[in-house]
Amino acid sequence: MLPFLTKFFGNPSSSYAHGVEPRKALSKARDQVASLLGVPPADASEAITFTGSGTESDNTAIRLAMLANSNSNSNSNSNSNSNSNSNSNALPHIGD
């Protein structure tokens, strides 16, 4: 980790030269986590997300849970008005 705090400190999402090494390291870390979780390497960039803080992680988890619940409601009962309560039951399912 030390090289990325002292020498390779660029933004991995940037297009400038300082971001090249951090981008490679981030990709390697993502592949390692994907391997541990059994995610195929081709899917790692979509399936593994690193965040910058606990708040960002919490917000991402809540947003994805609400989206998943909304999608499952609209897929399971297309004749009902799924917009009226598509997100109202999302939070209780986070711990499931």
Protein backbone atom coordinates (compact mmCIF):
# COMPACT_ATOMS: atom_id res chain seq x y z
CA MET A 1 0.00 0.00 0.00
CA LEU A 2 2.85 2.37 0.75
CA PRO A 3 3.81 2.96 -2.91
CA PHE A 4 0.26 4.19 -3.56
CA LEU A 5 0.53 6.73 -0.74
CA THR A 6 3.92 8.07 -1.77
CA LYS A 7 4.80 7.40 -5.41
CA PHE A 8 1.68 6.27 -7.29
CA PHE A 9 -0.95 8.59 -5.86
CA GLY A 10 -2.93 9.45 -8.99
CA ASN A 11 -6.63 8.92 -9.53
CA PRO A 12 -7.11 5.47 -11.15
CA SER A 13 -10.09 6.81 -13.11
CA SER A 14 -8.10 9.60 -14.71
CA SER A 15 -6.49 9.58 -18.13
CA TYR A 16 -3.21 11.21 -17.08
CA ALA A 17 0.04 9.32 -16.45
CA HIS A 18 -0.17 9.41 -12.64
CA GLY A 19 -3.30 7.26 -12.79
CA VAL A 20 -1.80 4.34 -14.75
CA GLU A 21 -0.20 2.41 -11.87
CA PRO A 22 -3.13 2.93 -9.47
CA ARG A 23 -5.50 1.74 -12.23
CA LYS A 24 -3.44 -1.44 -12.71
CA ALA A 25 -3.36 -2.06 -8.94
CA LEU A 26 -7.09 -1.48 -8.63
CA SER A 27 -7.78 -3.92 -11.45
CA LYS A 28 -5.54 -6.52 -9.81
CA ALA A 29 -7.25 -6.03 -6.44
CA ARG A 30 -10.67 -6.33 -8.08
CA ASP A 31 -9.62 -9.58 -9.78
CA GLN A 32 -8.29 -10.96 -6.47
CA VAL A 33 -11.53 -10.17 -4.63
CA ALA A 34 -13.55 -11.63 -7.51
CA SER A 35 -11.50 -14.83 -7.33
CA LEU A 36 -12.09 -15.12 -3.57
CA LEU A 37 -15.84 -14.67 -4.11
CA GLY A 38 -16.02 -17.02 -7.09
CA VAL A 39 -16.90 -14.28 -9.58
CA PRO A 40 -15.70 -15.01 -13.12
CA PRO A 41 -12.83 -12.67 -14.09
CA ALA A 42 -14.79 -11.33 -17.06
CA ASP A 43 -17.51 -10.10 -14.68
CA ALA A 44 -15.19 -8.66 -12.01
CA SER A 45 -15.29 -5.05 -13.20
CA GLU A 46 -19.11 -5.04 -13.05
CA ALA A 47 -19.55 -7.16 -9.93
CA ILE A 48 -16.88 -5.75 -7.61
CA THR A 49 -17.15 -2.11 -6.53
CA PHE A 50 -14.74 -0.35 -4.22
CA THR A 51 -15.96 2.76 -2.47
CA GLY A 52 -14.15 5.59 -0.75
CA SER A 53 -16.03 5.59 2.56
CA GLY A 54 -18.52 3.82 4.76
CA THR A 55 -21.21 6.32 3.88
CA GLU A 56 -20.71 5.74 0.16
CA SER A 57 -20.86 1.97 0.77
CA ASP A 58 -24.07 2.28 2.79
CA ASN A 59 -25.71 4.50 0.19
CA THR A 60 -24.70 2.14 -2.62
CA ALA A 61 -26.09 -0.88 -0.77
CA ILE A 62 -29.40 0.88 -0.05
CA ARG A 63 -29.70 2.12 -3.63
CA LEU A 64 -29.01 -1.35 -5.07
CA ALA A 65 -31.43 -3.01 -2.63
CA MET A 66 -34.15 -0.58 -3.63
CA LEU A 67 -33.41 -1.14 -7.32
CA ALA A 68 -33.47 -4.92 -6.91
CA ASN A 69 -36.76 -4.75 -5.01
CA SER A 70 -38.25 -2.42 -7.59
CA ASN A 71 -37.21 -4.75 -10.43
CA SER A 72 -38.56 -7.85 -8.68
CA ASN A 73 -41.90 -6.13 -7.98
CA SER A 74 -42.35 -5.03 -11.58
CA ASN A 75 -41.33 -8.45 -12.92
CA SER A 76 -43.56 -10.47 -10.60
CA ASN A 77 -46.79 -8.52 -10.94
CA SER A 78 -46.97 -6.50 -14.13
CA ASN A 79 -50.73 -5.86 -13.81
CA SER A 80 -50.51 -3.97 -10.50
CA ASN A 81 -49.37 -0.43 -9.92
CA SER A 82 -45.83 -1.33 -8.84
CA ASN A 83 -44.75 2.32 -8.73
CA SER A 84 -46.97 3.04 -5.74
CA ASN A 85 -44.93 0.88 -3.37
CA SER A 86 -41.94 -0.34 -5.38
CA ASN A 87 -39.44 1.04 -2.87
CA SER A 88 -41.48 1.03 0.32
CA ASN A 89 -40.51 -2.53 1.26
CA ALA A 90 -36.87 -2.41 0.13
CA LEU A 91 -35.19 -1.63 3.44
CA PRO A 92 -36.53 -4.60 5.44
CA HIS A 93 -35.00 -6.95 2.86
CA ILE A 94 -31.45 -5.64 3.22
CA GLY A 95 -30.68 -8.04 6.08
CA ASP A 96 -32.12 -11.08 4.28
